[in-house]
Structure formats: structure tokens, C-alpha cells
Amino acid sequence: MKKLLSVSVFLLMAVCGFAAGFDGTWTSKMQGQDGNEMEMKLVIKVDGEKITASLNMPNGDMPFTNIVKKDNTLTMEMKMGDQTMKQVLTLKDENTAILKMIDSPMGDREMTFTKQK
């Protein structure tokens, strides 16, 4: 019984720890429509099973909805006007994540985010 309890606690800590890997502020840069480079911040907060996220850009914050975590991936949605875009964020390592934007007005694209210390 003690062995089973120890294994269960270890697995729970591993799962919670990995979800916590998303937690924090991530930054990336992209070229805006005017040709100038702009910084984007992806802010993710993990509180147990609850995950919230928003993309902070110079023209305002855009919250994500319908966030689902599976393994090292967050699948989420962002509403832009009357369009809902799917976003997939995948942890590559503890400091790097790839955000894939699907069906965005700018087309499908991938962005690399770096976790801020």
C-alpha cells in the first residue's frame, strides 16, 4: 500500500510540475503590418488544474479561451473580431515554446517564444 501511494504521489507531482512549466511570461517578436518589429508577451497562469492565458501586444491584450492541456501541449482559442482562431502551444524545453496559429487572418504561422526569468 505504501508503495502504491508513493508511486501515485510521484506521478501527481510530475503531472503538476509539467503543467507548471507553462506558467509565466513568454516573449517573441514579429513583424507588424507596417513592417516594424513588435514584441509580444504570452502570459500563462497555472493554478492547479485551471490555466489562463493572454497575448499582450502593443494594441492590447487578447485572452485565450477553451484552454486544454494534454502532455506538453496547450490547445486554445482566440477571438479576433468575428473569427475564432485555434492556437497550439507546445513546450520544446523549459525555456522554449512554439505557438502555431491556425486559420489566422495572417495565415497559418509559427512563432517561437522564450520564457522570461
N, C-alpha and C. Protein backbone atom coordinates (compact mmCIF):
# COMPACT_ATOMS: atom_id res chain seq x y z
N MET A 1 0.83 -1.20 0.00
CA MET A 1 0.00 0.00 0.00
C MET A 1 0.86 1.25 0.00
N LYS A 2 1.92 1.27 0.82
CA LYS A 2 2.80 2.43 0.87
C LYS A 2 3.46 2.67 -0.49
N LYS A 3 3.84 1.57 -1.14
CA LYS A 3 4.50 1.66 -2.44
C LYS A 3 3.55 2.28 -3.47
N LEU A 4 2.29 1.83 -3.49
CA LEU A 4 1.30 2.36 -4.42
C LEU A 4 1.05 3.84 -4.14
N LEU A 5 0.98 4.22 -2.88
CA LEU A 5 0.78 5.62 -2.51
C LEU A 5 1.97 6.47 -2.96
N SER A 6 3.18 5.95 -2.77
CA SER A 6 4.39 6.68 -3.18
C SER A 6 4.42 6.91 -4.68
N VAL A 7 4.08 5.87 -5.45
CA VAL A 7 4.05 5.98 -6.91
C VAL A 7 2.98 6.98 -7.34
N SER A 8 1.82 6.94 -6.71
CA SER A 8 0.72 7.86 -7.05
C SER A 8 1.13 9.31 -6.78
N VAL A 9 1.75 9.56 -5.63
CA VAL A 9 2.19 10.92 -5.29
C VAL A 9 3.24 11.40 -6.29
N PHE A 10 4.17 10.53 -6.65
CA PHE A 10 5.21 10.90 -7.63
C PHE A 10 4.59 11.26 -8.97
N LEU A 11 3.65 10.45 -9.47
CA LEU A 11 3.01 10.73 -10.76
C LEU A 11 2.22 12.04 -10.71
N LEU A 12 1.52 12.29 -9.62
CA LEU A 12 0.77 13.53 -9.47
C LEU A 12 1.70 14.73 -9.49
N MET A 13 2.82 14.63 -8.78
CA MET A 13 3.79 15.73 -8.76
C MET A 13 4.39 15.95 -10.15
N ALA A 14 4.65 14.88 -10.88
CA ALA A 14 5.21 15.01 -12.23
C ALA A 14 4.23 15.71 -13.15
N VAL A 15 2.96 15.33 -13.10
CA VAL A 15 1.95 15.96 -13.96
C VAL A 15 1.78 17.43 -13.60
N CYS A 16 1.66 17.74 -12.31
CA CYS A 16 1.51 19.13 -11.87
C CYS A 16 2.74 19.95 -12.23
N GLY A 17 3.90 19.36 -12.06
CA GLY A 17 5.14 20.06 -12.38
C GLY A 17 5.23 20.40 -13.85
N PHE A 18 4.78 19.49 -14.72
CA PHE A 18 4.85 19.78 -16.15
C PHE A 18 3.86 20.88 -16.52
N ALA A 19 2.67 20.85 -15.95
CA ALA A 19 1.70 21.92 -16.23
C ALA A 19 2.27 23.25 -15.77
N ALA A 20 2.97 23.22 -14.63
CA ALA A 20 3.58 24.45 -14.12
C ALA A 20 4.65 24.96 -15.06
N GLY A 21 5.21 24.10 -15.92
CA GLY A 21 6.22 24.52 -16.90
C GLY A 21 5.70 25.58 -17.85
N PHE A 22 4.39 25.62 -18.07
CA PHE A 22 3.78 26.63 -18.92
C PHE A 22 3.69 27.97 -18.21
N ASP A 23 3.60 27.95 -16.89
CA ASP A 23 3.35 29.12 -16.07
C ASP A 23 4.44 30.18 -16.24
N GLY A 24 4.04 31.42 -16.48
CA GLY A 24 4.99 32.52 -16.57
C GLY A 24 4.75 33.41 -17.77
N THR A 25 5.74 34.24 -18.05
CA THR A 25 5.68 35.18 -19.17
C THR A 25 6.66 34.73 -20.24
N TRP A 26 6.16 34.66 -21.45
CA TRP A 26 6.93 34.23 -22.61
C TRP A 26 6.95 35.37 -23.61
N THR A 27 8.07 35.61 -24.28
CA THR A 27 8.14 36.71 -25.24
C THR A 27 8.57 36.22 -26.62
N SER A 28 8.13 36.97 -27.61
CA SER A 28 8.50 36.72 -29.00
C SER A 28 8.41 38.05 -29.74
N LYS A 29 9.00 38.10 -30.91
CA LYS A 29 8.90 39.29 -31.75
C LYS A 29 8.36 38.90 -33.11
N MET A 30 7.58 39.78 -33.68
CA MET A 30 7.06 39.54 -35.02
C MET A 30 6.97 40.86 -35.77
N GLN A 31 6.95 40.75 -37.06
CA GLN A 31 6.86 41.93 -37.90
C GLN A 31 5.40 42.30 -38.07
N GLY A 32 5.08 43.54 -37.75
CA GLY A 32 3.72 44.02 -37.88
C GLY A 32 3.37 44.36 -39.32
N GLN A 33 2.12 44.69 -39.57
CA GLN A 33 1.66 45.03 -40.91
C GLN A 33 2.37 46.26 -41.46
N ASP A 34 2.84 47.13 -40.55
CA ASP A 34 3.54 48.34 -41.01
C ASP A 34 5.03 48.07 -41.26
N GLY A 35 5.46 46.81 -41.05
CA GLY A 35 6.86 46.46 -41.30
C GLY A 35 7.76 46.59 -40.09
N ASN A 36 7.26 47.23 -39.03
CA ASN A 36 8.06 47.38 -37.81
C ASN A 36 7.94 46.13 -36.94
N GLU A 37 9.02 45.82 -36.23
CA GLU A 37 9.03 44.68 -35.34
C GLU A 37 8.33 45.05 -34.03
N MET A 38 7.51 44.13 -33.53
CA MET A 38 6.83 44.38 -32.27
C MET A 38 7.01 43.17 -31.35
N GLU A 39 7.09 43.46 -30.05
CA GLU A 39 7.23 42.39 -29.07
C GLU A 39 5.87 41.94 -28.61
N MET A 40 5.74 40.65 -28.46
CA MET A 40 4.50 40.07 -27.95
C MET A 40 4.83 39.30 -26.68
N LYS A 41 3.95 39.38 -25.71
CA LYS A 41 4.11 38.63 -24.47
C LYS A 41 2.94 37.67 -24.32
N LEU A 42 3.27 36.45 -24.05
CA LEU A 42 2.28 35.43 -23.78
C LEU A 42 2.34 35.18 -22.27
N VAL A 43 1.26 35.50 -21.58
CA VAL A 43 1.22 35.37 -20.12
C VAL A 43 0.31 34.19 -19.78
N ILE A 44 0.90 33.20 -19.10
CA ILE A 44 0.16 32.00 -18.74
C ILE A 44 0.21 31.84 -17.23
N LYS A 45 -0.95 31.58 -16.65
CA LYS A 45 -1.04 31.35 -15.20
C LYS A 45 -1.66 29.98 -14.98
N VAL A 46 -0.96 29.17 -14.21
CA VAL A 46 -1.43 27.83 -13.87
C VAL A 46 -1.74 27.81 -12.38
N ASP A 47 -2.99 27.48 -12.05
CA ASP A 47 -3.42 27.36 -10.66
C ASP A 47 -4.10 26.01 -10.51
N GLY A 48 -3.31 24.99 -10.18
CA GLY A 48 -3.84 23.63 -10.12
C GLY A 48 -4.23 23.17 -11.51
N GLU A 49 -5.50 22.85 -11.68
CA GLU A 49 -6.00 22.42 -12.99
C GLU A 49 -6.43 23.60 -13.87
N LYS A 50 -6.58 24.78 -13.27
CA LYS A 50 -7.05 25.95 -14.02
C LYS A 50 -5.87 26.64 -14.71
N ILE A 51 -6.02 26.89 -16.00
CA ILE A 51 -4.99 27.57 -16.78
C ILE A 51 -5.64 28.77 -17.49
N THR A 52 -5.04 29.94 -17.32
CA THR A 52 -5.48 31.12 -18.05
C THR A 52 -4.30 31.63 -18.88
N ALA A 53 -4.61 32.26 -20.00
CA ALA A 53 -3.55 32.77 -20.88
C ALA A 53 -4.06 33.96 -21.66
N SER A 54 -3.13 34.90 -21.94
CA SER A 54 -3.46 36.03 -22.79
C SER A 54 -2.22 36.44 -23.56
N LEU A 55 -2.45 37.02 -24.71
CA LEU A 55 -1.38 37.52 -25.55
C LEU A 55 -1.39 39.04 -25.41
N ASN A 56 -0.30 39.59 -24.91
CA ASN A 56 -0.20 41.04 -24.69
C ASN A 56 0.60 41.65 -25.84
N MET A 57 -0.05 42.53 -26.57
CA MET A 57 0.57 43.19 -27.71
C MET A 57 0.45 44.69 -27.53
N PRO A 58 1.19 45.46 -28.32
CA PRO A 58 1.13 46.92 -28.17
C PRO A 58 -0.28 47.51 -28.27
N ASN A 59 -1.15 46.86 -29.05
CA ASN A 59 -2.50 47.41 -29.22
C ASN A 59 -3.52 46.78 -28.27
N GLY A 60 -3.06 46.03 -27.25
CA GLY A 60 -3.98 45.50 -26.25
C GLY A 60 -3.77 44.03 -25.98
N ASP A 61 -4.49 43.56 -24.96
CA ASP A 61 -4.41 42.16 -24.55
C ASP A 61 -5.51 41.35 -25.23
N MET A 62 -5.15 40.14 -25.61
CA MET A 62 -6.11 39.24 -26.23
C MET A 62 -6.14 37.94 -25.42
N PRO A 63 -7.26 37.68 -24.71
CA PRO A 63 -7.33 36.47 -23.89
C PRO A 63 -7.57 35.22 -24.74
N PHE A 64 -7.07 34.10 -24.23
CA PHE A 64 -7.35 32.81 -24.85
C PHE A 64 -8.50 32.16 -24.09
N THR A 65 -9.29 31.37 -24.78
CA THR A 65 -10.40 30.64 -24.17
C THR A 65 -10.27 29.16 -24.53
N ASN A 66 -11.10 28.37 -23.92
CA ASN A 66 -11.16 26.93 -24.20
C ASN A 66 -9.77 26.29 -24.16
N ILE A 67 -9.02 26.55 -23.10
CA ILE A 67 -7.65 26.04 -22.96
C ILE A 67 -7.70 24.60 -22.47
N VAL A 68 -7.05 23.74 -23.24
CA VAL A 68 -6.98 22.32 -22.89
C VAL A 68 -5.52 21.90 -22.88
N LYS A 69 -5.08 21.29 -21.77
CA LYS A 69 -3.71 20.81 -21.65
C LYS A 69 -3.66 19.32 -21.89
N LYS A 70 -2.74 18.90 -22.73
CA LYS A 70 -2.50 17.48 -22.94
C LYS A 70 -1.00 17.30 -23.12
N ASP A 71 -0.41 16.56 -22.19
CA ASP A 71 1.04 16.33 -22.20
C ASP A 71 1.78 17.66 -22.21
N ASN A 72 2.59 17.93 -23.24
CA ASN A 72 3.37 19.17 -23.29
C ASN A 72 2.75 20.19 -24.24
N THR A 73 1.42 20.12 -24.42
CA THR A 73 0.73 21.00 -25.37
C THR A 73 -0.49 21.65 -24.75
N LEU A 74 -0.67 22.94 -25.05
CA LEU A 74 -1.92 23.64 -24.73
C LEU A 74 -2.61 23.93 -26.05
N THR A 75 -3.86 23.54 -26.15
CA THR A 75 -4.69 23.91 -27.30
C THR A 75 -5.67 24.95 -26.79
N MET A 76 -5.80 26.05 -27.51
CA MET A 76 -6.63 27.15 -27.03
C MET A 76 -7.20 27.91 -28.21
N GLU A 77 -8.12 28.82 -27.93
CA GLU A 77 -8.74 29.63 -28.97
C GLU A 77 -8.62 31.11 -28.63
N MET A 78 -8.60 31.90 -29.70
CA MET A 78 -8.55 33.35 -29.55
C MET A 78 -9.58 33.94 -30.51
N LYS A 79 -10.38 34.85 -30.00
CA LYS A 79 -11.38 35.50 -30.84
C LYS A 79 -10.82 36.82 -31.35
N MET A 80 -10.90 37.02 -32.65
CA MET A 80 -10.44 38.25 -33.29
C MET A 80 -11.57 38.74 -34.19
N GLY A 81 -12.28 39.76 -33.72
CA GLY A 81 -13.46 40.20 -34.45
C GLY A 81 -14.51 39.10 -34.38
N ASP A 82 -15.00 38.67 -35.53
CA ASP A 82 -16.00 37.60 -35.55
C ASP A 82 -15.37 36.23 -35.87
N GLN A 83 -14.05 36.19 -35.91
CA GLN A 83 -13.35 34.94 -36.22
C GLN A 83 -12.71 34.35 -34.97
N THR A 84 -12.83 33.03 -34.82
CA THR A 84 -12.17 32.32 -33.73
C THR A 84 -11.03 31.52 -34.32
N MET A 85 -9.82 31.75 -33.78
CA MET A 85 -8.64 31.07 -34.30
C MET A 85 -8.13 30.06 -33.28
N LYS A 86 -7.75 28.91 -33.79
CA LYS A 86 -7.16 27.88 -32.94
C LYS A 86 -5.67 28.14 -32.80
N GLN A 87 -5.16 27.95 -31.59
CA GLN A 87 -3.74 28.13 -31.29
C GLN A 87 -3.25 26.87 -30.58
N VAL A 88 -2.06 26.42 -30.91
CA VAL A 88 -1.47 25.26 -30.25
C VAL A 88 -0.08 25.66 -29.76
N LEU A 89 0.11 25.59 -28.44
CA LEU A 89 1.39 25.93 -27.83
C LEU A 89 2.05 24.64 -27.34
N THR A 90 3.27 24.39 -27.82
CA THR A 90 3.99 23.17 -27.47
C THR A 90 5.30 23.54 -26.78
N LEU A 91 5.53 22.97 -25.59
CA LEU A 91 6.80 23.18 -24.90
C LEU A 91 7.88 22.34 -25.60
N LYS A 92 8.95 22.99 -26.01
CA LYS A 92 10.10 22.29 -26.58
C LYS A 92 11.08 21.92 -25.48
N ASP A 93 11.26 22.82 -24.54
CA ASP A 93 12.07 22.60 -23.34
C ASP A 93 11.58 23.61 -22.30
N GLU A 94 12.26 23.69 -21.18
CA GLU A 94 11.75 24.56 -20.10
C GLU A 94 11.78 26.05 -20.43
N ASN A 95 12.52 26.45 -21.47
CA ASN A 95 12.63 27.87 -21.83
C ASN A 95 12.11 28.21 -23.22
N THR A 96 11.65 27.23 -23.97
CA THR A 96 11.23 27.47 -25.35
C THR A 96 9.88 26.81 -25.63
N ALA A 97 8.99 27.57 -26.27
CA ALA A 97 7.69 27.05 -26.66
C ALA A 97 7.39 27.53 -28.08
N ILE A 98 6.69 26.70 -28.84
CA ILE A 98 6.30 27.03 -30.21
C ILE A 98 4.79 27.23 -30.23
N LEU A 99 4.35 28.39 -30.72
CA LEU A 99 2.93 28.69 -30.85
C LEU A 99 2.56 28.60 -32.33
N LYS A 100 1.63 27.70 -32.64
CA LYS A 100 1.13 27.57 -34.01
C LYS A 100 -0.23 28.23 -34.07
N MET A 101 -0.35 29.22 -34.95
CA MET A 101 -1.62 29.90 -35.17
C MET A 101 -2.26 29.26 -36.40
N ILE A 102 -3.49 28.80 -36.26
CA ILE A 102 -4.17 28.11 -37.34
C ILE A 102 -5.35 28.94 -37.80
N ASP A 103 -5.45 29.16 -39.11
CA ASP A 103 -6.54 29.93 -39.72
C ASP A 103 -6.61 31.36 -39.20
N SER A 104 -5.47 31.99 -38.98
CA SER A 104 -5.47 33.39 -38.55
C SER A 104 -5.61 34.28 -39.78
N PRO A 105 -5.99 35.55 -39.60
CA PRO A 105 -6.09 36.47 -40.74
C PRO A 105 -4.75 36.62 -41.47
N MET A 106 -3.65 36.34 -40.77
CA MET A 106 -2.32 36.44 -41.39
C MET A 106 -1.88 35.10 -41.96
N GLY A 107 -2.78 34.12 -41.96
CA GLY A 107 -2.44 32.79 -42.44
C GLY A 107 -1.88 31.95 -41.31
N ASP A 108 -1.66 30.69 -41.60
CA ASP A 108 -1.06 29.81 -40.59
C ASP A 108 0.38 30.24 -40.39
N ARG A 109 0.79 30.31 -39.15
CA ARG A 109 2.18 30.66 -38.85
C ARG A 109 2.60 30.08 -37.53
N GLU A 110 3.90 30.04 -37.36
CA GLU A 110 4.51 29.50 -36.15
C GLU A 110 5.40 30.57 -35.55
N MET A 111 5.36 30.68 -34.24
CA MET A 111 6.21 31.65 -33.55
C MET A 111 6.91 30.95 -32.40
N THR A 112 8.17 31.33 -32.18
CA THR A 112 8.94 30.79 -31.07
C THR A 112 8.91 31.78 -29.92
N PHE A 113 8.54 31.30 -28.74
CA PHE A 113 8.51 32.13 -27.53
C PHE A 113 9.58 31.65 -26.57
N THR A 114 10.19 32.60 -25.88
CA THR A 114 11.21 32.32 -24.88
C THR A 114 10.67 32.71 -23.51
N LYS A 115 10.85 31.82 -22.54
CA LYS A 115 10.35 32.09 -21.19
C LYS A 115 11.25 33.11 -20.51
N GLN A 116 10.64 34.09 -19.88
CA GLN A 116 11.37 35.13 -19.17
C GLN A 116 11.67 34.66 -17.75
N LYS A 117 12.83 34.99 -17.27
CA LYS A 117 13.24 34.58 -15.92
C LYS A 117 12.75 35.55 -14.88
